């Protein structure tokens, strides 16, 4: 087809599982207390050309926020398998902009998707793909520096919620 180009490549991504001896409800509450919901007002400021004010607010914000979440466990009731599983989008708009200004395709992975799940034996865990490995595919040191900090912030937050 004229004007169409398609390329594919295989990537190695490091997957992390952080298990908890706490109940699903305890871990969920701890995560949602540690990481605030993203203030959507930031995007309103940006839409109205208030970039400097948005930047000041983002610089004062915590390193990570919950952008949104989906109850994936409820979806499994379709298959008769009610489970406890919540998929979170966790990140920081300022951090994302520090990567996407160098590699716009980094927007595919920002915010980071994190799963909090309880398996059929009752084991509770977080699962996610390490930011360092996901963003590393771009081969850009500017992106890698930010991804390493994001990796540390995410791991320490999830470990704190799981403890």
N, C-alpha and C. Protein backbone atom coordinates (compact mmCIF):
# COMPACT_ATOMS: atom_id res chain seq x y z
N UNK A 1 0.85 -1.17 0.00
CA UNK A 1 0.00 0.00 0.00
C UNK A 1 0.90 1.23 0.00
N UNK A 2 0.69 2.16 -0.93
CA UNK A 2 1.53 3.36 -1.01
C UNK A 2 1.41 4.22 0.25
N UNK A 3 2.55 4.77 0.69
CA UNK A 3 2.58 5.67 1.83
C UNK A 3 2.52 4.98 3.18
N UNK A 4 2.60 3.66 3.18
CA UNK A 4 2.52 2.92 4.43
C UNK A 4 3.85 2.24 4.70
N UNK A 5 4.32 2.35 5.91
CA UNK A 5 5.54 1.68 6.32
C UNK A 5 5.29 1.03 7.67
N UNK A 6 5.70 -0.20 7.83
CA UNK A 6 5.50 -0.93 9.07
C UNK A 6 6.82 -1.55 9.47
N UNK A 7 7.19 -1.35 10.73
CA UNK A 7 8.41 -1.99 11.22
C UNK A 7 8.09 -2.66 12.54
N UNK A 8 8.84 -3.72 12.85
CA UNK A 8 8.65 -4.46 14.08
C UNK A 8 10.01 -4.80 14.65
N UNK A 9 10.07 -4.87 15.99
CA UNK A 9 11.27 -5.34 16.65
C UNK A 9 10.88 -5.96 17.97
N UNK A 10 11.70 -6.86 18.44
CA UNK A 10 11.46 -7.55 19.69
C UNK A 10 12.22 -6.84 20.80
N UNK A 11 11.55 -6.65 21.93
CA UNK A 11 12.15 -5.95 23.06
C UNK A 11 12.22 -6.88 24.27
N UNK A 12 13.27 -6.73 25.04
CA UNK A 12 13.38 -7.45 26.31
C UNK A 12 12.95 -6.49 27.41
N UNK A 13 11.95 -6.88 28.19
CA UNK A 13 11.45 -6.05 29.27
C UNK A 13 11.53 -6.85 30.56
N UNK A 14 12.02 -6.22 31.61
CA UNK A 14 12.13 -6.87 32.91
C UNK A 14 10.82 -6.70 33.66
N UNK A 15 10.23 -7.81 34.03
CA UNK A 15 8.95 -7.83 34.75
C UNK A 15 9.22 -8.02 36.24
N UNK A 16 8.54 -7.24 37.08
CA UNK A 16 8.76 -7.27 38.53
C UNK A 16 7.48 -7.72 39.21
N UNK A 17 7.63 -8.57 40.22
CA UNK A 17 6.53 -8.96 41.09
C UNK A 17 6.96 -8.69 42.52
N UNK A 18 6.14 -7.93 43.24
CA UNK A 18 6.38 -7.63 44.65
C UNK A 18 5.24 -8.26 45.44
N UNK A 19 5.53 -9.34 46.15
CA UNK A 19 4.51 -10.03 46.92
C UNK A 19 4.34 -9.39 48.30
N UNK A 20 3.13 -9.52 48.81
CA UNK A 20 2.82 -8.97 50.13
C UNK A 20 2.17 -10.04 50.99
N UNK A 21 2.46 -10.00 52.26
CA UNK A 21 1.78 -10.91 53.19
C UNK A 21 0.50 -10.26 53.73
N UNK A 22 0.25 -9.03 53.35
CA UNK A 22 -0.97 -8.33 53.77
C UNK A 22 -2.13 -8.69 52.85
N UNK A 23 -3.32 -8.37 53.31
CA UNK A 23 -4.52 -8.62 52.50
C UNK A 23 -4.58 -7.64 51.33
N UNK A 24 -5.36 -8.00 50.35
CA UNK A 24 -5.57 -7.15 49.18
C UNK A 24 -6.07 -5.77 49.61
N UNK A 25 -7.05 -5.75 50.51
CA UNK A 25 -7.64 -4.47 50.94
C UNK A 25 -6.62 -3.58 51.64
N UNK A 26 -5.79 -4.17 52.48
CA UNK A 26 -4.77 -3.39 53.19
C UNK A 26 -3.78 -2.80 52.20
N UNK A 27 -3.32 -3.60 51.26
CA UNK A 27 -2.34 -3.12 50.28
C UNK A 27 -2.96 -2.03 49.40
N UNK A 28 -4.18 -2.23 49.00
CA UNK A 28 -4.86 -1.22 48.17
C UNK A 28 -4.98 0.11 48.90
N UNK A 29 -5.43 0.06 50.15
CA UNK A 29 -5.59 1.29 50.93
C UNK A 29 -4.24 1.97 51.13
N UNK A 30 -3.21 1.20 51.44
CA UNK A 30 -1.88 1.79 51.65
C UNK A 30 -1.38 2.45 50.37
N UNK A 31 -1.56 1.80 49.22
CA UNK A 31 -1.12 2.39 47.96
C UNK A 31 -1.85 3.70 47.70
N UNK A 32 -3.16 3.69 47.89
CA UNK A 32 -3.95 4.88 47.58
C UNK A 32 -3.75 6.00 48.61
N UNK A 33 -3.22 5.66 49.78
CA UNK A 33 -2.84 6.70 50.74
C UNK A 33 -1.46 7.26 50.41
N UNK A 34 -0.57 6.41 49.95
CA UNK A 34 0.79 6.84 49.61
C UNK A 34 0.84 7.69 48.35
N UNK A 35 0.03 7.31 47.36
CA UNK A 35 0.06 8.01 46.06
C UNK A 35 -1.28 8.70 45.84
N UNK A 36 -1.27 10.01 45.81
CA UNK A 36 -2.54 10.73 45.59
C UNK A 36 -3.01 10.57 44.15
N UNK A 37 -4.29 10.83 43.96
CA UNK A 37 -4.84 10.88 42.60
C UNK A 37 -4.27 12.11 41.91
N UNK A 38 -3.99 11.99 40.64
CA UNK A 38 -3.46 13.10 39.86
C UNK A 38 -4.49 14.22 39.82
N UNK A 39 -4.03 15.43 40.05
CA UNK A 39 -4.89 16.61 39.96
C UNK A 39 -5.09 16.94 38.48
N UNK A 40 -6.26 16.63 37.96
CA UNK A 40 -6.56 16.86 36.55
C UNK A 40 -6.56 18.35 36.19
N UNK A 41 -6.56 19.21 37.21
CA UNK A 41 -6.51 20.64 36.96
C UNK A 41 -5.25 21.06 36.22
N UNK A 42 -4.21 20.25 36.32
CA UNK A 42 -2.97 20.53 35.58
C UNK A 42 -3.26 20.62 34.09
N UNK A 43 -4.06 19.70 33.58
CA UNK A 43 -4.35 19.68 32.15
C UNK A 43 -5.26 20.83 31.74
N UNK A 44 -6.11 21.26 32.67
CA UNK A 44 -6.95 22.44 32.40
C UNK A 44 -6.05 23.67 32.27
N UNK A 45 -5.10 23.81 33.19
CA UNK A 45 -4.15 24.93 33.10
C UNK A 45 -3.42 24.92 31.76
N UNK A 46 -2.97 23.75 31.34
CA UNK A 46 -2.23 23.66 30.08
C UNK A 46 -3.11 24.02 28.88
N UNK A 47 -4.38 23.55 28.91
CA UNK A 47 -5.30 23.87 27.81
C UNK A 47 -5.53 25.37 27.68
N UNK A 48 -5.46 26.08 28.82
CA UNK A 48 -5.68 27.52 28.79
C UNK A 48 -4.39 28.33 28.75
N UNK A 49 -3.29 27.68 28.36
CA UNK A 49 -2.03 28.38 28.16
C UNK A 49 -1.31 28.78 29.44
N UNK A 50 -1.66 28.16 30.54
CA UNK A 50 -1.04 28.47 31.83
C UNK A 50 0.12 27.51 32.13
N UNK A 51 1.03 27.38 31.17
CA UNK A 51 2.14 26.44 31.29
C UNK A 51 3.05 26.70 32.48
N UNK A 52 3.36 27.95 32.74
CA UNK A 52 4.25 28.26 33.86
C UNK A 52 3.61 27.90 35.20
N UNK A 53 2.33 28.20 35.34
CA UNK A 53 1.63 27.85 36.58
C UNK A 53 1.54 26.33 36.72
N UNK A 54 1.25 25.63 35.62
CA UNK A 54 1.19 24.16 35.66
C UNK A 54 2.55 23.59 36.07
N UNK A 55 3.62 24.15 35.53
CA UNK A 55 4.96 23.68 35.88
C UNK A 55 5.24 23.86 37.37
N UNK A 56 4.90 25.02 37.91
CA UNK A 56 5.11 25.26 39.34
C UNK A 56 4.34 24.24 40.19
N UNK A 57 3.10 23.97 39.79
CA UNK A 57 2.29 23.01 40.55
C UNK A 57 2.85 21.60 40.43
N UNK A 58 3.34 21.24 39.25
CA UNK A 58 3.92 19.90 39.07
C UNK A 58 5.22 19.75 39.84
N UNK A 59 6.00 20.81 39.90
CA UNK A 59 7.26 20.75 40.65
C UNK A 59 7.01 20.59 42.15
N UNK A 60 5.87 21.08 42.63
CA UNK A 60 5.52 20.97 44.04
C UNK A 60 4.77 19.66 44.36
N UNK A 61 4.39 18.94 43.34
CA UNK A 61 3.61 17.71 43.52
C UNK A 61 4.51 16.55 43.95
N UNK A 62 3.90 15.49 44.48
CA UNK A 62 4.69 14.31 44.86
C UNK A 62 5.30 13.66 43.62
N UNK A 63 6.33 12.84 43.82
CA UNK A 63 7.01 12.21 42.67
C UNK A 63 6.10 11.31 41.84
N UNK A 64 5.11 10.69 42.46
CA UNK A 64 4.20 9.79 41.74
C UNK A 64 2.76 10.05 42.16
N UNK A 65 1.88 9.85 41.19
CA UNK A 65 0.44 9.96 41.44
C UNK A 65 -0.26 8.84 40.69
N UNK A 66 -1.49 8.58 41.10
CA UNK A 66 -2.33 7.63 40.39
C UNK A 66 -3.14 8.41 39.36
N UNK A 67 -2.89 8.14 38.09
CA UNK A 67 -3.61 8.81 37.00
C UNK A 67 -5.03 8.25 36.89
N UNK A 68 -5.16 6.96 37.11
CA UNK A 68 -6.46 6.31 36.99
C UNK A 68 -6.32 4.85 37.35
N UNK A 69 -7.45 4.15 37.39
CA UNK A 69 -7.41 2.72 37.68
C UNK A 69 -8.63 2.05 37.07
N UNK A 70 -8.50 0.75 36.88
CA UNK A 70 -9.58 -0.07 36.33
C UNK A 70 -9.69 -1.35 37.16
N UNK A 71 -10.90 -1.74 37.48
CA UNK A 71 -11.13 -2.97 38.24
C UNK A 71 -11.15 -4.13 37.25
N UNK A 72 -9.98 -4.68 37.00
CA UNK A 72 -9.88 -5.78 36.04
C UNK A 72 -10.48 -7.06 36.62
N UNK A 73 -10.43 -7.20 37.93
CA UNK A 73 -11.02 -8.38 38.56
C UNK A 73 -12.51 -8.48 38.27
N UNK A 74 -13.22 -7.38 38.32
CA UNK A 74 -14.65 -7.39 38.03
C UNK A 74 -14.91 -7.86 36.61
N UNK A 75 -14.04 -7.52 35.70
CA UNK A 75 -14.18 -7.93 34.31
C UNK A 75 -14.20 -9.46 34.18
N UNK A 76 -13.46 -10.12 35.05
CA UNK A 76 -13.38 -11.59 34.97
C UNK A 76 -14.67 -12.29 35.39
N UNK A 77 -15.60 -11.55 35.98
CA UNK A 77 -16.89 -12.17 36.30
C UNK A 77 -17.61 -12.59 35.02
N UNK A 78 -17.25 -11.99 33.89
CA UNK A 78 -17.80 -12.40 32.60
C UNK A 78 -17.51 -13.87 32.34
N UNK A 79 -16.33 -14.31 32.77
CA UNK A 79 -15.91 -15.70 32.59
C UNK A 79 -16.22 -16.55 33.81
N UNK A 80 -16.98 -16.00 34.77
CA UNK A 80 -17.30 -16.74 35.97
C UNK A 80 -16.13 -16.88 36.92
N UNK A 81 -15.16 -15.99 36.82
CA UNK A 81 -13.95 -16.03 37.65
C UNK A 81 -13.78 -14.72 38.41
N UNK A 82 -14.65 -14.42 39.36
CA UNK A 82 -14.47 -13.17 40.09
C UNK A 82 -13.12 -13.17 40.79
N UNK A 83 -12.33 -12.15 40.53
CA UNK A 83 -10.99 -12.02 41.12
C UNK A 83 -10.81 -10.62 41.62
N UNK A 84 -9.80 -10.43 42.42
CA UNK A 84 -9.43 -9.11 42.90
C UNK A 84 -8.19 -8.69 42.12
N UNK A 85 -8.36 -7.72 41.27
CA UNK A 85 -7.25 -7.24 40.45
C UNK A 85 -7.57 -5.82 39.99
N UNK A 86 -6.70 -4.89 40.36
CA UNK A 86 -6.88 -3.50 39.95
C UNK A 86 -5.66 -3.07 39.17
N UNK A 87 -5.91 -2.52 38.01
CA UNK A 87 -4.84 -2.03 37.14
C UNK A 87 -4.75 -0.51 37.33
N UNK A 88 -3.58 -0.06 37.78
CA UNK A 88 -3.35 1.36 38.04
C UNK A 88 -2.44 1.94 36.96
N UNK A 89 -2.67 3.20 36.63
CA UNK A 89 -1.73 3.99 35.83
C UNK A 89 -1.06 4.94 36.82
N UNK A 90 0.26 4.77 36.99
CA UNK A 90 1.01 5.52 37.99
C UNK A 90 2.15 6.26 37.32
N UNK A 91 2.30 7.53 37.66
CA UNK A 91 3.39 8.30 37.08
C UNK A 91 3.37 9.74 37.55
N UNK A 92 3.96 10.58 36.72
CA UNK A 92 4.08 12.00 37.01
C UNK A 92 4.17 12.72 35.66
N UNK A 93 3.27 13.66 35.39
CA UNK A 93 3.29 14.35 34.10
C UNK A 93 4.62 15.06 33.80
N UNK A 94 5.23 15.64 34.82
CA UNK A 94 6.50 16.33 34.63
C UNK A 94 7.59 15.33 34.25
N UNK A 95 7.61 14.19 34.94
CA UNK A 95 8.57 13.14 34.62
C UNK A 95 8.37 12.66 33.18
N UNK A 96 7.12 12.45 32.80
CA UNK A 96 6.83 12.01 31.43
C UNK A 96 7.35 13.03 30.42
N UNK A 97 7.13 14.31 30.71
CA UNK A 97 7.57 15.35 29.75
C UNK A 97 9.09 15.40 29.65
N UNK A 98 9.78 15.02 30.73
CA UNK A 98 11.25 15.01 30.70
C UNK A 98 11.78 13.90 29.80
N UNK A 99 10.96 12.88 29.55
CA UNK A 99 11.36 11.81 28.64
C UNK A 99 10.85 12.07 27.23
N UNK A 100 9.58 12.45 27.12
CA UNK A 100 8.98 12.59 25.80
C UNK A 100 9.53 13.78 25.02
N UNK A 101 10.13 14.73 25.69
CA UNK A 101 10.75 15.84 24.95
C UNK A 101 11.94 15.35 24.14
N UNK A 102 12.52 14.21 24.56
CA UNK A 102 13.65 13.62 23.84
C UNK A 102 13.21 12.50 22.90
N UNK A 103 12.20 11.75 23.33
CA UNK A 103 11.68 10.63 22.54
C UNK A 103 10.16 10.60 22.71
N UNK A 104 9.43 11.13 21.75
CA UNK A 104 7.98 11.21 21.89
C UNK A 104 7.35 9.83 22.05
N UNK A 105 7.97 8.81 21.50
CA UNK A 105 7.42 7.45 21.63
C UNK A 105 7.45 6.93 23.06
N UNK A 106 8.20 7.58 23.94
CA UNK A 106 8.20 7.20 25.35
C UNK A 106 6.80 7.38 25.97
N UNK A 107 5.96 8.16 25.31
CA UNK A 107 4.59 8.35 25.79
C UNK A 107 3.79 7.04 25.80
N UNK A 108 4.27 6.04 25.07
CA UNK A 108 3.61 4.73 25.10
C UNK A 108 3.65 4.11 26.50
N UNK A 109 4.64 4.46 27.30
CA UNK A 109 4.87 3.80 28.58
C UNK A 109 4.70 4.73 29.78
N UNK A 110 4.25 5.94 29.56
CA UNK A 110 4.06 6.88 30.65
C UNK A 110 2.60 7.32 30.65
N UNK A 111 1.85 7.09 31.70
CA UNK A 111 2.27 6.54 32.98
C UNK A 111 2.49 5.02 32.92
N UNK A 112 3.09 4.50 33.97
CA UNK A 112 3.40 3.08 34.07
C UNK A 112 2.14 2.33 34.50
N UNK A 113 1.92 1.19 33.89
CA UNK A 113 0.79 0.35 34.28
C UNK A 113 1.25 -0.63 35.36
N UNK A 114 0.51 -0.64 36.48
CA UNK A 114 0.82 -1.50 37.62
C UNK A 114 -0.43 -2.30 37.96
N UNK A 115 -0.25 -3.59 38.17
CA UNK A 115 -1.36 -4.45 38.55
C UNK A 115 -1.23 -4.84 40.02
N UNK A 116 -2.28 -4.61 40.79
CA UNK A 116 -2.40 -5.15 42.13
C UNK A 116 -3.37 -6.31 42.00
N UNK A 117 -2.92 -7.51 42.37
CA UNK A 117 -3.79 -8.67 42.17
C UNK A 117 -3.68 -9.65 43.32
N UNK A 118 -4.75 -10.43 43.44
CA UNK A 118 -4.80 -11.52 44.39
C UNK A 118 -5.02 -12.78 43.57
N UNK A 119 -4.14 -13.77 43.73
CA UNK A 119 -4.30 -14.99 42.93
C UNK A 119 -5.29 -15.94 43.58
N UNK A 120 -5.53 -17.08 42.95
CA UNK A 120 -6.55 -18.02 43.43
C UNK A 120 -6.21 -18.61 44.80
N UNK A 121 -4.94 -18.55 45.20
CA UNK A 121 -4.53 -19.03 46.53
C UNK A 121 -4.56 -17.92 47.58
N UNK A 122 -4.94 -16.71 47.18
CA UNK A 122 -5.01 -15.59 48.11
C UNK A 122 -3.74 -14.78 48.23
N UNK A 123 -2.71 -15.10 47.43
CA UNK A 123 -1.45 -14.35 47.47
C UNK A 123 -1.66 -13.00 46.78
N UNK A 124 -1.24 -11.94 47.46
CA UNK A 124 -1.38 -10.57 46.96
C UNK A 124 -0.04 -10.08 46.43
N UNK A 125 -0.06 -9.42 45.28
CA UNK A 125 1.19 -8.93 44.71
C UNK A 125 0.93 -7.77 43.76
N UNK A 126 1.97 -6.96 43.61
CA UNK A 126 2.02 -5.96 42.55
C UNK A 126 2.82 -6.57 41.40
N UNK A 127 2.46 -6.22 40.18
CA UNK A 127 3.24 -6.60 39.01
C UNK A 127 3.36 -5.39 38.10
N UNK A 128 4.53 -5.24 37.49
CA UNK A 128 4.75 -4.16 36.53
C UNK A 128 6.02 -4.45 35.74
N UNK A 129 6.16 -3.76 34.64
CA UNK A 129 7.39 -3.84 33.84
C UNK A 129 8.28 -2.67 34.24
N UNK A 130 9.53 -2.98 34.56
CA UNK A 130 10.45 -1.94 35.04
C UNK A 130 10.56 -0.81 34.03
N UNK A 131 10.38 0.42 34.49
CA UNK A 131 10.53 1.56 33.59
C UNK A 131 11.88 1.59 32.88
N UNK A 132 12.94 1.24 33.60
CA UNK A 132 14.29 1.27 33.00
C UNK A 132 14.34 0.38 31.76
N UNK A 133 13.72 -0.78 31.83
CA UNK A 133 13.78 -1.68 30.68
C UNK A 133 12.82 -1.25 29.57
N UNK A 134 11.64 -0.76 29.93
CA UNK A 134 10.68 -0.32 28.91
C UNK A 134 11.19 0.90 28.15
N UNK A 135 11.70 1.88 28.88
CA UNK A 135 12.18 3.11 28.24
C UNK A 135 13.57 2.94 27.64
N UNK A 136 14.29 1.91 28.08
CA UNK A 136 15.63 1.67 27.57
C UNK A 136 15.68 1.36 26.09
N UNK A 137 14.57 0.92 25.53
CA UNK A 137 14.54 0.60 24.10
C UNK A 137 14.87 1.79 23.21
N UNK A 138 14.73 3.00 23.74
CA UNK A 138 14.95 4.18 22.91
C UNK A 138 16.42 4.55 22.78
N UNK A 139 17.26 3.95 23.63
CA UNK A 139 18.69 4.19 23.52
C UNK A 139 19.08 5.65 23.68
N UNK A 140 18.39 6.34 24.57
CA UNK A 140 18.61 7.76 24.76
C UNK A 140 18.98 8.00 26.23
N UNK A 141 20.20 8.45 26.48
CA UNK A 141 20.67 8.64 27.85
C UNK A 141 19.81 9.63 28.63
N UNK A 142 19.28 10.66 27.97
CA UNK A 142 18.42 11.64 28.65
C UNK A 142 17.15 10.96 29.18
N UNK A 143 16.61 10.05 28.40
CA UNK A 143 15.42 9.29 28.82
C UNK A 143 15.81 8.30 29.91
N UNK A 144 16.95 7.65 29.74
CA UNK A 144 17.38 6.63 30.70
C UNK A 144 17.59 7.20 32.10
N UNK A 145 18.15 8.40 32.20
CA UNK A 145 18.38 9.03 33.50
C UNK A 145 17.05 9.22 34.23
N UNK A 146 16.06 9.72 33.53
CA UNK A 146 14.74 9.94 34.13
C UNK A 146 14.09 8.60 34.46
N UNK A 147 14.23 7.62 33.59
CA UNK A 147 13.63 6.30 33.81
C UNK A 147 14.22 5.61 35.03
N UNK A 148 15.51 5.80 35.26
CA UNK A 148 16.13 5.19 36.45
C UNK A 148 15.53 5.76 37.73
N UNK A 149 15.31 7.07 37.76
CA UNK A 149 14.70 7.68 38.95
C UNK A 149 13.25 7.21 39.09
N UNK A 150 12.53 7.15 37.99
CA UNK A 150 11.15 6.66 38.01
C UNK A 150 11.11 5.23 38.53
N UNK A 151 12.06 4.42 38.09
CA UNK A 151 12.14 3.04 38.53
C UNK A 151 12.31 2.95 40.04
N UNK A 152 13.20 3.77 40.59
CA UNK A 152 13.43 3.78 42.04
C UNK A 152 12.20 4.26 42.80
N UNK A 153 11.61 5.35 42.31
CA UNK A 153 10.42 5.91 42.98
C UNK A 153 9.27 4.90 42.99
N UNK A 154 9.06 4.24 41.85
CA UNK A 154 7.96 3.29 41.74
C UNK A 154 8.20 2.09 42.64
N UNK A 155 9.38 1.51 42.58
CA UNK A 155 9.67 0.34 43.40
C UNK A 155 9.54 0.65 44.89
N UNK A 156 10.08 1.78 45.33
CA UNK A 156 10.00 2.09 46.76
C UNK A 156 8.56 2.35 47.19
N UNK A 157 7.75 2.98 46.34
CA UNK A 157 6.35 3.21 46.68
C UNK A 157 5.57 1.91 46.78
N UNK A 158 5.79 1.01 45.83
CA UNK A 158 5.07 -0.26 45.85
C UNK A 158 5.52 -1.15 47.00
N UNK A 159 6.81 -1.12 47.31
CA UNK A 159 7.31 -1.88 48.46
C UNK A 159 6.69 -1.35 49.76
N UNK A 160 6.58 -0.03 49.87
CA UNK A 160 5.99 0.56 51.07
C UNK A 160 4.52 0.16 51.18
N UNK A 161 3.80 0.14 50.07
CA UNK A 161 2.40 -0.24 50.10
C UNK A 161 2.22 -1.72 50.41
N UNK A 162 3.17 -2.53 49.97
CA UNK A 162 3.08 -3.98 50.18
C UNK A 162 3.51 -4.40 51.58
N UNK A 163 4.28 -3.54 52.26
CA UNK A 163 4.84 -3.93 53.57
C UNK A 163 3.80 -3.89 54.69
